[in-house]
Amino acid sequence: MAHLIVEQTFEAALTDQAHAHIGERLDTCLDAHGARWVRSYLSTDRLRMVCVFEAADAESVRQSYRSAGVRFDRAWTAELYARPDAAAGNTPGT
């Protein structure tokens, strides 16, 4: 599985309700295209979000967003570089 990054920008701050709605719309489409959500990073001003997925290819994630009717700026394949203890989500002191 490849790591995929999806970048989104919003004209107004993303509310918790809108964020949940996006997730609900995407879940079924991601499953249908064999993609799995890993994590998201939402900027503190809530105007930008970066989401990380695992999927066979970037087109699977792009198609999931399109099928769900969720707008995105870019979706691209990435290579993961992390500290060995951070790769599994285990960061010291947390």
C-alpha atoms as a PDB file:
ATOM      1  CA  MET A   1       0.000   0.000   0.000  1.00  0.00           C
ATOM      2  CA  ALA A   2       1.160   3.497  -0.810  1.00  0.00           C
ATOM      3  CA  HIS A   3       0.891   6.542   1.438  1.00  0.00           C
ATOM      4  CA  LEU A   4      -1.308   9.252  -0.054  1.00  0.00           C
ATOM      5  CA  ILE A   5      -1.556  12.890   0.966  1.00  0.00           C
ATOM      6  CA  VAL A   6      -4.658  14.963   0.261  1.00  0.00           C
ATOM      7  CA  GLU A   7      -4.536  18.740   0.664  1.00  0.00           C
ATOM      8  CA  GLN A   8      -7.663  20.834   1.169  1.00  0.00           C
ATOM      9  CA  THR A   9      -8.295  24.537   1.695  1.00  0.00           C
ATOM     10  CA  PHE A  10     -11.526  26.071   2.936  1.00  0.00           C
ATOM     11  CA  GLU A  11     -12.948  29.548   2.357  1.00  0.00           C
ATOM     12  CA  ALA A  12     -14.292  29.664   5.909  1.00  0.00           C
ATOM     13  CA  ALA A  13     -13.098  27.925   9.056  1.00  0.00           C
ATOM     14  CA  LEU A  14     -14.083  24.249   8.991  1.00  0.00           C
ATOM     15  CA  THR A  15     -16.615  23.536  11.721  1.00  0.00           C
ATOM     16  CA  ASP A  16     -16.692  20.275  13.657  1.00  0.00           C
ATOM     17  CA  GLN A  17     -20.063  19.509  12.050  1.00  0.00           C
ATOM     18  CA  ALA A  18     -18.735  20.095   8.517  1.00  0.00           C
ATOM     19  CA  HIS A  19     -15.650  18.018   9.303  1.00  0.00           C
ATOM     20  CA  ALA A  20     -17.823  15.115  10.502  1.00  0.00           C
ATOM     21  CA  HIS A  21     -20.029  15.439   7.406  1.00  0.00           C
ATOM     22  CA  ILE A  22     -16.994  15.205   5.097  1.00  0.00           C
ATOM     23  CA  GLY A  23     -15.815  12.095   6.931  1.00  0.00           C
ATOM     24  CA  GLU A  24     -19.215  10.431   6.699  1.00  0.00           C
ATOM     25  CA  ARG A  25     -19.431  11.107   2.964  1.00  0.00           C
ATOM     26  CA  LEU A  26     -15.925   9.790   2.345  1.00  0.00           C
ATOM     27  CA  ASP A  27     -16.027   6.600   4.448  1.00  0.00           C
ATOM     28  CA  THR A  28     -18.137   4.522   2.061  1.00  0.00           C
ATOM     29  CA  CYS A  29     -16.270   5.757  -1.011  1.00  0.00           C
ATOM     30  CA  LEU A  30     -12.868   5.053   0.525  1.00  0.00           C
ATOM     31  CA  ASP A  31     -13.985   1.513   1.379  1.00  0.00           C
ATOM     32  CA  ALA A  32     -15.283   1.002  -2.159  1.00  0.00           C
ATOM     33  CA  HIS A  33     -11.929   2.081  -3.632  1.00  0.00           C
ATOM     34  CA  GLY A  34      -9.785   0.099  -1.193  1.00  0.00           C
ATOM     35  CA  ALA A  35      -8.389   3.150   0.581  1.00  0.00           C
ATOM     36  CA  ARG A  36      -7.913   3.624   4.321  1.00  0.00           C
ATOM     37  CA  TRP A  37      -7.769   6.913   6.247  1.00  0.00           C
ATOM     38  CA  VAL A  38      -4.747   7.116   8.571  1.00  0.00           C
ATOM     39  CA  ARG A  39      -4.785  10.625  10.080  1.00  0.00           C
ATOM     40  CA  SER A  40      -5.552  14.269   9.400  1.00  0.00           C
ATOM     41  CA  TYR A  41      -3.902  17.544  10.328  1.00  0.00           C
ATOM     42  CA  LEU A  42      -6.187  20.581  10.561  1.00  0.00           C
ATOM     43  CA  SER A  43      -4.548  23.988  10.744  1.00  0.00           C
ATOM     44  CA  THR A  44      -5.258  25.981  13.893  1.00  0.00           C
ATOM     45  CA  ASP A  45      -7.196  28.563  11.849  1.00  0.00           C
ATOM     46  CA  ARG A  46      -9.215  25.607  10.409  1.00  0.00           C
ATOM     47  CA  LEU A  47      -8.696  26.847   6.827  1.00  0.00           C
ATOM     48  CA  ARG A  48      -6.349  24.067   5.669  1.00  0.00           C
ATOM     49  CA  MET A  49      -6.280  20.328   6.151  1.00  0.00           C
ATOM     50  CA  VAL A  50      -3.883  17.585   5.154  1.00  0.00           C
ATOM     51  CA  CYS A  51      -5.115  13.990   5.292  1.00  0.00           C
ATOM     52  CA  VAL A  52      -3.018  10.834   5.081  1.00  0.00           C
ATOM     53  CA  PHE A  53      -4.367   7.634   3.522  1.00  0.00           C
ATOM     54  CA  GLU A  54      -3.132   4.196   2.552  1.00  0.00           C
ATOM     55  CA  ALA A  55      -4.257   2.948  -0.846  1.00  0.00           C
ATOM     56  CA  ALA A  56      -3.025   1.151  -3.927  1.00  0.00           C
ATOM     57  CA  ASP A  57      -2.536   4.453  -5.760  1.00  0.00           C
ATOM     58  CA  ALA A  58      -3.397   8.152  -5.691  1.00  0.00           C
ATOM     59  CA  GLU A  59      -6.221   7.733  -8.199  1.00  0.00           C
ATOM     60  CA  SER A  60      -8.117   5.508  -5.727  1.00  0.00           C
ATOM     61  CA  VAL A  61      -8.177   8.350  -3.212  1.00  0.00           C
ATOM     62  CA  ARG A  62      -8.934  11.010  -5.837  1.00  0.00           C
ATOM     63  CA  GLN A  63     -11.870   8.929  -7.087  1.00  0.00           C
ATOM     64  CA  SER A  64     -13.123   8.478  -3.517  1.00  0.00           C
ATOM     65  CA  TYR A  65     -13.192  12.253  -2.988  1.00  0.00           C
ATOM     66  CA  ARG A  66     -14.887  12.818  -6.349  1.00  0.00           C
ATOM     67  CA  SER A  67     -17.497  10.107  -5.702  1.00  0.00           C
ATOM     68  CA  ALA A  68     -18.254  11.617  -2.289  1.00  0.00           C
ATOM     69  CA  GLY A  69     -18.517  15.105  -3.786  1.00  0.00           C
ATOM     70  CA  VAL A  70     -15.737  16.406  -1.524  1.00  0.00           C
ATOM     71  CA  ARG A  71     -13.478  19.093  -2.990  1.00  0.00           C
ATOM     72  CA  PHE A  72      -9.691  18.785  -2.646  1.00  0.00           C
ATOM     73  CA  ASP A  73      -6.725  20.764  -3.940  1.00  0.00           C
ATOM     74  CA  ARG A  74      -4.172  18.012  -4.496  1.00  0.00           C
ATOM     75  CA  ALA A  75      -3.694  14.292  -3.887  1.00  0.00           C
ATOM     76  CA  TRP A  76      -0.244  12.806  -4.217  1.00  0.00           C
ATOM     77  CA  THR A  77       1.747   9.698  -3.364  1.00  0.00           C
ATOM     78  CA  ALA A  78       4.322  10.118  -0.602  1.00  0.00           C
ATOM     79  CA  GLU A  79       7.188   8.226   0.904  1.00  0.00           C
ATOM     80  CA  LEU A  80       7.155   8.020   4.711  1.00  0.00           C
ATOM     81  CA  TYR A  81      10.204   9.227   6.624  1.00  0.00           C
ATOM     82  CA  ALA A  82       9.908   9.109  10.407  1.00  0.00           C
ATOM     83  CA  ARG A  83      11.817   8.257  13.535  1.00  0.00           C
ATOM     84  CA  PRO A  84      11.455   4.524  14.206  1.00  0.00           C
ATOM     85  CA  ASP A  85       9.395   5.185  17.349  1.00  0.00           C
ATOM     86  CA  ALA A  86       7.213   7.748  15.536  1.00  0.00           C
ATOM     87  CA  ALA A  87       6.345   5.560  12.536  1.00  0.00           C
ATOM     88  CA  ALA A  88       3.945   3.494  14.644  1.00  0.00           C
ATOM     89  CA  GLY A  89       2.476   6.612  16.237  1.00  0.00           C
ATOM     90  CA  ASN A  90       4.521   6.194  19.420  1.00  0.00           C
ATOM     91  CA  THR A  91       6.148   9.516  20.198  1.00  0.00           C
ATOM     92  CA  PRO A  92       8.177   9.996  23.360  1.00  0.00           C
ATOM     93  CA  GLY A  93       6.395  11.886  26.116  1.00  0.00           C
ATOM     94  CA  THR A  94       2.865  11.245  24.824  1.00  0.00           C
END
